[in-house]
Amino acid sequence: MAPTNKAAVLPQASAHPLVIQESEYPTVGKGEIIIKVAAIAINPMDWMIQTLGDGLFSWLSYPFIGGTDVAGTVAEIGPDVTDFSVGDRVLGLGIGFVAREGAFQEYVAVHTNLASRIPDSLSFADASVLPLGLTTAAGALYEPGNLELAYPSLDPKPTGKTLLVWAGASSVGTNAIQLAVASGYEVITTASPKNFDYVKSVGASQVFDYSSPTVVQDLIEAFKGKTSAGGLAIYPGFEDKVFEVVLASEGAKVVIAAMPLAEDKVPAGIERARGIFAGTIKDNEVGGIIFNKFVPEALAAGKFRALPPPVVVGEGLESLQEAVDKLKGGAASAKKLVVTL
């Protein structure tokens, strides 16, 4: 007999607050595991979906179970799954925009190539901050047609190239810096001055104040004498600055953005520019290489950190709405809001 399951549900578009109710236990499929959730991290997309409703994703069906980032224990494995076992401590990304893959519930279905074993030394709250930021960063850095960097390893060989990451203190930026450094690249980034030490601690070689009126010229100067690996633009409204720096630098004329990019806004001279959608790495080799190979080994070896650090807002599904509201209100800078179950 399947366990009982509860979820924090959005009953209709733009409804507030989330409603706690019984939810169907997800039946495990091929290439999947069921995670008994112990911690859930909140992302900007969670409040955007709730606030903007059909204006953001008109194709969502309601009642809707949102959320993407979880950590917990494996409750069940699919019929073809051999690399996970019941009881494994894991982190995972639910990204299908369907009820069974929504993170805001007690049991969630996750594709195995979007799940990683975690060491006993890593708490579930800490582990839960990784999935979406990690996935988005990995897609930008490694997927075909994106930046196409060399894959990360525990013993990276220097490539002699430098990557620009705009917004290094963000969840995506923190993961992108760590991944790129583990791939043998130097990283130059931007952040607010209060987060300079933080982004340097995760591997950035230089950091510049994103709000400085001279930031573009400062970055261009920093790239002189270096070979650019391209640029990653994480926040909307700053992609033009990334274009300008990349165009002025020697090397790859590639800019990848963690949001949609209009083709008519891409300047001449940029060879490749596109926005990405998290989760597509499950459809190619990138998902398995990052989630199943690199991350478990790197976490265990202490060569990759679960960041930004979590701030636990509360316990239980009932605390999710508070966490979503706090994030919408700007309560997270170089940290991630988490709810434990």
Protein backbone atom coordinates (compact mmCIF):
# COMPACT_ATOMS: atom_id res chain seq x y z
CA MET A 1 0.00 0.00 0.00
CA ALA A 2 1.39 3.40 -1.02
CA PRO A 3 2.15 5.93 1.72
CA THR A 4 -0.18 8.87 2.22
CA ASN A 5 1.01 12.12 0.71
CA LYS A 6 0.28 15.78 1.37
CA ALA A 7 1.13 18.85 -0.70
CA ALA A 8 1.04 22.63 -0.58
CA VAL A 9 -1.20 23.30 -3.57
CA LEU A 10 -1.96 26.37 -5.67
CA PRO A 11 -5.69 25.72 -6.29
CA GLN A 12 -6.01 28.25 -9.11
CA ALA A 13 -3.95 30.87 -10.91
CA SER A 14 -2.65 33.62 -8.60
CA ALA A 15 -4.31 32.08 -5.52
CA HIS A 16 -2.89 33.02 -2.09
CA PRO A 17 -2.16 31.33 0.26
CA LEU A 18 -1.12 27.82 -0.75
CA VAL A 19 -3.55 25.17 0.46
CA ILE A 20 -2.34 22.09 2.35
CA GLN A 21 -4.24 19.01 1.21
CA GLU A 22 -4.00 15.31 0.49
CA SER A 23 -2.18 14.54 -2.78
CA GLU A 24 -1.78 11.39 -4.83
CA TYR A 25 1.40 9.48 -4.04
CA PRO A 26 3.58 9.57 -7.19
CA THR A 27 3.96 6.22 -8.93
CA VAL A 28 7.61 5.69 -9.79
CA GLY A 29 8.48 5.37 -13.48
CA LYS A 30 11.48 4.24 -15.50
CA GLY A 31 14.60 6.24 -14.78
CA GLU A 32 13.04 7.74 -11.65
CA ILE A 33 13.24 7.66 -7.89
CA ILE A 34 10.69 8.74 -5.31
CA ILE A 35 12.19 11.01 -2.66
CA LYS A 36 10.70 11.29 0.81
CA VAL A 37 11.26 15.01 1.24
CA ALA A 38 13.16 16.33 4.26
CA ALA A 39 13.94 19.86 3.05
CA ILE A 40 12.66 22.19 0.32
CA ALA A 41 14.48 25.30 -0.97
CA ILE A 42 12.60 28.26 -2.41
CA ASN A 43 13.42 29.92 -5.75
CA PRO A 44 12.23 33.15 -7.40
CA MET A 45 10.20 31.10 -9.87
CA ASP A 46 8.01 29.91 -6.98
CA TRP A 47 6.68 33.38 -6.15
CA MET A 48 6.59 34.40 -9.80
CA ILE A 49 4.28 31.49 -10.66
CA GLN A 50 2.01 32.28 -7.74
CA THR A 51 1.92 36.04 -8.34
CA LEU A 52 1.81 36.22 -12.13
CA GLY A 53 -0.33 33.14 -12.72
CA ASP A 54 -1.35 32.68 -16.36
CA GLY A 55 0.62 35.77 -17.28
CA LEU A 56 3.82 33.77 -16.77
CA PHE A 57 2.95 30.22 -17.84
CA SER A 58 -0.47 30.10 -19.48
CA TRP A 59 -0.23 26.35 -19.97
CA LEU A 60 -0.09 25.37 -16.29
CA SER A 61 -2.96 23.21 -15.08
CA TYR A 62 -4.55 23.62 -11.65
CA PRO A 63 -4.52 22.59 -8.89
CA PHE A 64 -0.75 23.04 -9.25
CA ILE A 65 2.07 21.73 -7.04
CA GLY A 66 5.11 23.94 -7.46
CA GLY A 67 8.68 23.92 -6.21
CA THR A 68 11.81 22.31 -7.62
CA ASP A 69 14.54 21.88 -4.97
CA VAL A 70 14.44 18.98 -2.52
CA ALA A 71 16.66 16.80 -0.36
CA GLY A 72 15.65 13.67 1.49
CA THR A 73 15.82 9.90 1.34
CA VAL A 74 15.00 7.53 -1.50
CA ALA A 75 11.65 5.87 -0.78
CA GLU A 76 11.33 3.90 -4.02
CA ILE A 77 13.32 3.24 -7.21
CA GLY A 78 12.12 2.71 -10.77
CA PRO A 79 12.22 -0.74 -12.41
CA ASP A 80 15.41 0.04 -14.35
CA VAL A 81 17.27 2.01 -11.69
CA THR A 82 20.55 0.45 -10.53
CA ASP A 83 22.58 3.42 -9.26
CA PHE A 84 20.30 4.38 -6.35
CA SER A 85 18.94 2.32 -3.46
CA VAL A 86 16.06 2.77 -1.05
CA GLY A 87 17.33 4.73 1.95
CA ASP A 88 20.01 6.69 0.08
CA ARG A 89 20.38 10.30 1.19
CA VAL A 90 19.93 12.47 -1.91
CA LEU A 91 19.22 15.87 -3.37
CA GLY A 92 17.08 16.22 -6.47
CA LEU A 93 15.34 18.52 -8.92
CA GLY A 94 11.63 18.27 -9.71
CA ILE A 95 11.19 20.17 -12.95
CA GLY A 96 8.30 18.71 -14.93
CA PHE A 97 5.62 21.27 -13.99
CA VAL A 98 3.32 18.34 -13.22
CA ALA A 99 1.97 17.38 -9.80
CA ARG A 100 4.10 14.28 -9.28
CA GLU A 101 7.33 16.29 -9.80
CA GLY A 102 6.42 19.34 -7.71
CA ALA A 103 8.72 19.82 -4.71
CA PHE A 104 6.05 21.24 -2.41
CA GLN A 105 4.93 17.84 -1.10
CA GLU A 106 6.04 14.99 1.12
CA TYR A 107 6.94 12.59 -1.71
CA VAL A 108 8.22 13.66 -5.12
CA ALA A 109 9.24 11.87 -8.33
CA VAL A 110 12.70 12.85 -9.64
CA HIS A 111 14.63 11.72 -12.72
CA THR A 112 17.77 9.85 -11.64
CA ASN A 113 20.03 12.06 -13.77
CA LEU A 114 18.75 15.07 -11.81
CA ALA A 115 19.53 13.48 -8.43
CA SER A 116 22.77 13.10 -6.46
CA ARG A 117 23.75 11.09 -3.43
CA ILE A 118 24.94 13.33 -0.60
CA PRO A 119 27.47 12.56 2.16
CA ASP A 120 26.30 11.97 5.72
CA SER A 121 28.14 15.13 6.73
CA LEU A 122 25.81 17.30 4.64
CA SER A 123 22.46 18.20 6.19
CA PHE A 124 19.27 17.98 4.14
CA ALA A 125 18.73 21.73 4.57
CA ASP A 126 22.18 22.44 3.14
CA ALA A 127 21.75 19.96 0.28
CA SER A 128 18.37 21.35 -0.75
CA VAL A 129 19.88 24.66 -1.89
CA LEU A 130 21.68 23.07 -4.84
CA PRO A 131 19.37 21.53 -7.46
CA LEU A 132 17.93 24.40 -9.53
CA GLY A 133 20.97 26.67 -9.32
CA LEU A 134 23.23 23.74 -10.16
CA THR A 135 21.05 22.61 -13.07
CA THR A 136 20.79 26.07 -14.59
CA ALA A 137 24.52 26.70 -14.25
CA ALA A 138 25.41 23.29 -15.69
CA GLY A 139 23.11 23.81 -18.66
CA ALA A 140 24.64 27.20 -19.42
CA LEU A 141 28.21 25.98 -19.09
CA TYR A 142 28.12 22.55 -20.71
CA GLU A 143 25.13 21.88 -22.94
CA PRO A 144 25.69 21.75 -26.71
CA GLY A 145 24.96 25.16 -28.20
CA ASN A 146 25.69 26.98 -24.96
CA LEU A 147 29.13 27.90 -23.56
CA GLU A 148 30.36 24.34 -24.16
CA LEU A 149 33.07 24.39 -21.48
CA ALA A 150 35.17 21.37 -20.60
CA TYR A 151 33.50 19.18 -17.97
CA PRO A 152 34.47 19.59 -14.30
CA SER A 153 36.72 17.21 -12.40
CA LEU A 154 38.26 16.85 -8.94
CA ASP A 155 41.68 17.60 -10.45
CA PRO A 156 41.06 20.24 -13.13
CA LYS A 157 43.70 21.19 -15.66
CA PRO A 158 43.95 24.95 -16.40
CA THR A 159 42.45 25.84 -19.77
CA GLY A 160 44.01 29.30 -19.94
CA LYS A 161 40.56 30.82 -20.50
CA THR A 162 38.45 33.20 -18.43
CA LEU A 163 34.67 33.19 -17.99
CA LEU A 164 32.51 36.21 -17.11
CA VAL A 165 29.68 35.41 -14.68
CA TRP A 166 27.33 38.31 -14.07
CA ALA A 167 25.71 38.06 -10.59
CA GLY A 168 28.13 35.71 -8.89
CA ALA A 169 26.42 35.79 -5.48
CA SER A 170 23.15 34.42 -6.88
CA SER A 171 22.33 30.73 -6.62
CA VAL A 172 23.08 30.18 -10.32
CA GLY A 173 26.20 32.34 -10.09
CA THR A 174 27.56 30.53 -7.04
CA ASN A 175 27.19 27.18 -8.79
CA ALA A 176 28.52 28.49 -12.10
CA ILE A 177 31.68 29.83 -10.45
CA GLN A 178 32.36 26.56 -8.66
CA LEU A 179 31.69 24.46 -11.76
CA ALA A 180 33.79 26.65 -14.05
CA VAL A 181 36.75 26.63 -11.65
CA ALA A 182 36.43 22.83 -11.40
CA SER A 183 36.57 22.79 -15.20
CA GLY A 184 39.87 24.67 -15.26
CA TYR A 185 38.64 28.21 -16.04
CA GLU A 186 39.36 31.49 -14.32
CA VAL A 187 36.17 33.32 -13.35
CA ILE A 188 35.63 37.06 -13.18
CA THR A 189 32.28 38.07 -11.71
CA THR A 190 30.07 40.88 -10.42
CA ALA A 191 28.29 41.28 -7.08
CA SER A 192 27.37 43.91 -4.52
CA PRO A 193 30.35 44.94 -2.35
CA LYS A 194 28.91 43.15 0.70
CA ASN A 195 29.23 39.85 -1.22
CA PHE A 196 32.75 40.34 -2.61
CA ASP A 197 34.36 38.04 -0.05
CA TYR A 198 31.65 35.42 -0.59
CA VAL A 199 32.15 35.10 -4.35
CA LYS A 200 35.91 35.01 -3.94
CA SER A 201 35.50 32.22 -1.40
CA VAL A 202 33.81 30.04 -4.03
CA GLY A 203 36.55 30.63 -6.58
CA ALA A 204 36.18 33.96 -8.40
CA SER A 205 39.56 35.55 -9.12
CA GLN A 206 38.20 39.09 -9.44
CA VAL A 207 34.87 40.70 -8.56
CA PHE A 208 33.41 44.06 -9.53
CA ASP A 209 30.49 46.09 -8.19
CA TYR A 210 27.61 45.50 -10.62
CA SER A 211 26.13 48.93 -9.77
CA SER A 212 29.29 50.91 -10.48
CA PRO A 213 28.94 53.33 -13.40
CA THR A 214 32.33 52.12 -14.65
CA VAL A 215 31.68 48.39 -14.26
CA VAL A 216 31.70 47.61 -18.00
CA GLN A 217 34.98 49.44 -18.57
CA ASP A 218 36.45 47.85 -15.44
CA LEU A 219 35.55 44.39 -16.71
CA ILE A 220 36.92 45.10 -20.18
CA GLU A 221 40.17 46.18 -18.56
CA ALA A 222 40.22 43.01 -16.41
CA PHE A 223 39.88 40.85 -19.53
CA LYS A 224 42.81 42.49 -21.33
CA GLY A 225 45.50 39.92 -22.04
CA LYS A 226 43.10 37.04 -21.32
CA THR A 227 41.23 34.65 -23.60
CA SER A 228 37.51 34.86 -22.95
CA ALA A 229 35.41 31.70 -22.66
CA GLY A 230 32.27 33.84 -23.07
CA GLY A 231 29.77 35.27 -20.62
CA LEU A 232 26.87 34.11 -18.46
CA ALA A 233 24.17 36.70 -17.75
CA ILE A 234 21.97 35.66 -14.84
CA TYR A 235 19.65 38.59 -14.12
CA PRO A 236 17.40 40.32 -16.70
CA GLY A 237 18.46 43.83 -17.63
CA PHE A 238 22.20 43.21 -17.51
CA GLU A 239 22.70 41.14 -20.65
CA ASP A 240 23.68 44.23 -22.66
CA LYS A 241 26.62 44.82 -20.32
CA VAL A 242 27.74 41.20 -20.74
CA PHE A 243 27.49 41.57 -24.53
CA GLU A 244 29.65 44.68 -24.38
CA VAL A 245 32.40 43.03 -22.32
CA VAL A 246 32.45 39.87 -24.43
CA LEU A 247 32.59 41.86 -27.68
CA ALA A 248 35.54 43.88 -26.39
CA SER A 249 37.50 40.80 -25.26
CA GLU A 250 39.62 38.29 -27.14
CA GLY A 251 38.14 34.83 -27.41
CA ALA A 252 34.67 33.29 -27.63
CA LYS A 253 31.86 35.64 -28.65
CA VAL A 254 29.23 33.64 -26.80
CA VAL A 255 26.71 34.85 -24.22
CA ILE A 256 24.27 32.55 -22.44
CA ALA A 257 21.48 33.93 -20.28
CA ALA A 258 19.43 32.41 -17.47
CA MET A 259 16.34 34.03 -19.00
CA PRO A 260 14.87 34.43 -22.49
CA LEU A 261 16.92 36.44 -24.98
CA ALA A 262 15.22 38.21 -27.89
CA GLU A 263 17.14 37.60 -31.11
CA ASP A 264 16.73 41.20 -32.23
CA LYS A 265 18.50 42.35 -29.06
CA VAL A 266 21.70 40.41 -29.78
CA PRO A 267 24.36 42.79 -31.16
CA ALA A 268 26.39 42.16 -34.29
CA GLY A 269 29.61 40.32 -33.57
CA ILE A 270 28.11 37.93 -31.04
CA GLU A 271 28.41 34.48 -32.59
CA ARG A 272 26.00 32.70 -30.28
CA ALA A 273 23.51 33.93 -27.69
CA ARG A 274 20.54 32.18 -26.17
CA GLY A 275 18.49 31.86 -23.04
CA ILE A 276 18.25 28.53 -21.29
CA PHE A 277 15.54 26.59 -19.50
CA ALA A 278 16.57 24.58 -16.45
CA GLY A 279 16.03 20.86 -16.66
CA THR A 280 16.95 20.22 -20.29
CA ILE A 281 20.19 18.61 -19.09
CA LYS A 282 18.12 15.51 -18.25
CA ASP A 283 17.72 14.99 -22.01
CA ASN A 284 21.44 14.76 -22.76
CA GLU A 285 24.66 13.54 -21.17
CA VAL A 286 25.14 16.66 -19.03
CA GLY A 287 22.62 15.61 -16.37
CA GLY A 288 24.31 12.31 -15.62
CA ILE A 289 27.83 13.73 -15.73
CA ILE A 290 27.03 16.52 -13.27
CA PHE A 291 24.45 14.94 -10.93
CA ASN A 292 25.54 11.31 -10.90
CA LYS A 293 29.31 11.60 -11.25
CA PHE A 294 30.83 14.98 -10.42
CA VAL A 295 28.61 16.33 -7.63
CA PRO A 296 28.54 13.23 -5.37
CA GLU A 297 32.32 12.82 -5.65
CA ALA A 298 33.02 16.54 -5.23
CA LEU A 299 30.70 16.93 -2.22
CA ALA A 300 32.26 13.90 -0.53
CA ALA A 301 35.78 15.21 -1.22
CA GLY A 302 34.93 18.71 0.01
CA LYS A 303 35.71 20.17 -3.42
CA PHE A 304 32.20 21.47 -4.10
CA ARG A 305 30.07 23.34 -1.58
CA ALA A 306 26.29 23.41 -1.17
CA LEU A 307 25.71 27.15 -1.51
CA PRO A 308 24.27 29.74 -1.08
CA PRO A 309 23.85 28.84 2.61
CA PRO A 310 20.33 27.97 3.76
CA VAL A 311 18.17 30.03 6.08
CA VAL A 312 15.48 27.76 7.54
CA VAL A 313 12.21 29.70 7.61
CA GLY A 314 10.11 27.05 9.30
CA GLU A 315 9.07 23.41 9.52
CA GLY A 316 6.23 21.69 7.67
CA LEU A 317 4.37 22.34 4.44
CA GLU A 318 2.47 25.09 6.27
CA SER A 319 5.66 27.19 6.31
CA LEU A 320 6.08 27.23 2.54
CA GLN A 321 3.85 30.23 1.93
CA GLU A 322 5.77 32.28 4.47
CA ALA A 323 9.03 31.31 2.78
CA VAL A 324 7.71 32.19 -0.69
CA ASP A 325 6.45 35.56 0.58
CA LYS A 326 9.77 36.32 2.28
CA LEU A 327 11.69 35.60 -0.91
CA LYS A 328 9.34 37.79 -2.94
CA GLY A 329 10.00 40.56 -0.42
CA GLY A 330 13.74 40.35 -1.02
CA ALA A 331 14.75 38.42 2.10
CA ALA A 332 17.60 36.51 0.44
CA SER A 333 20.98 37.85 -0.63
CA ALA A 334 23.74 35.27 -1.04
CA LYS A 335 21.53 32.82 0.84
CA LYS A 336 18.56 30.55 0.15
CA LEU A 337 15.33 30.19 2.09
CA VAL A 338 14.50 26.62 3.13
CA VAL A 339 11.60 24.79 4.77
CA THR A 340 12.20 21.47 6.54
CA LEU A 341 9.69 18.64 6.85
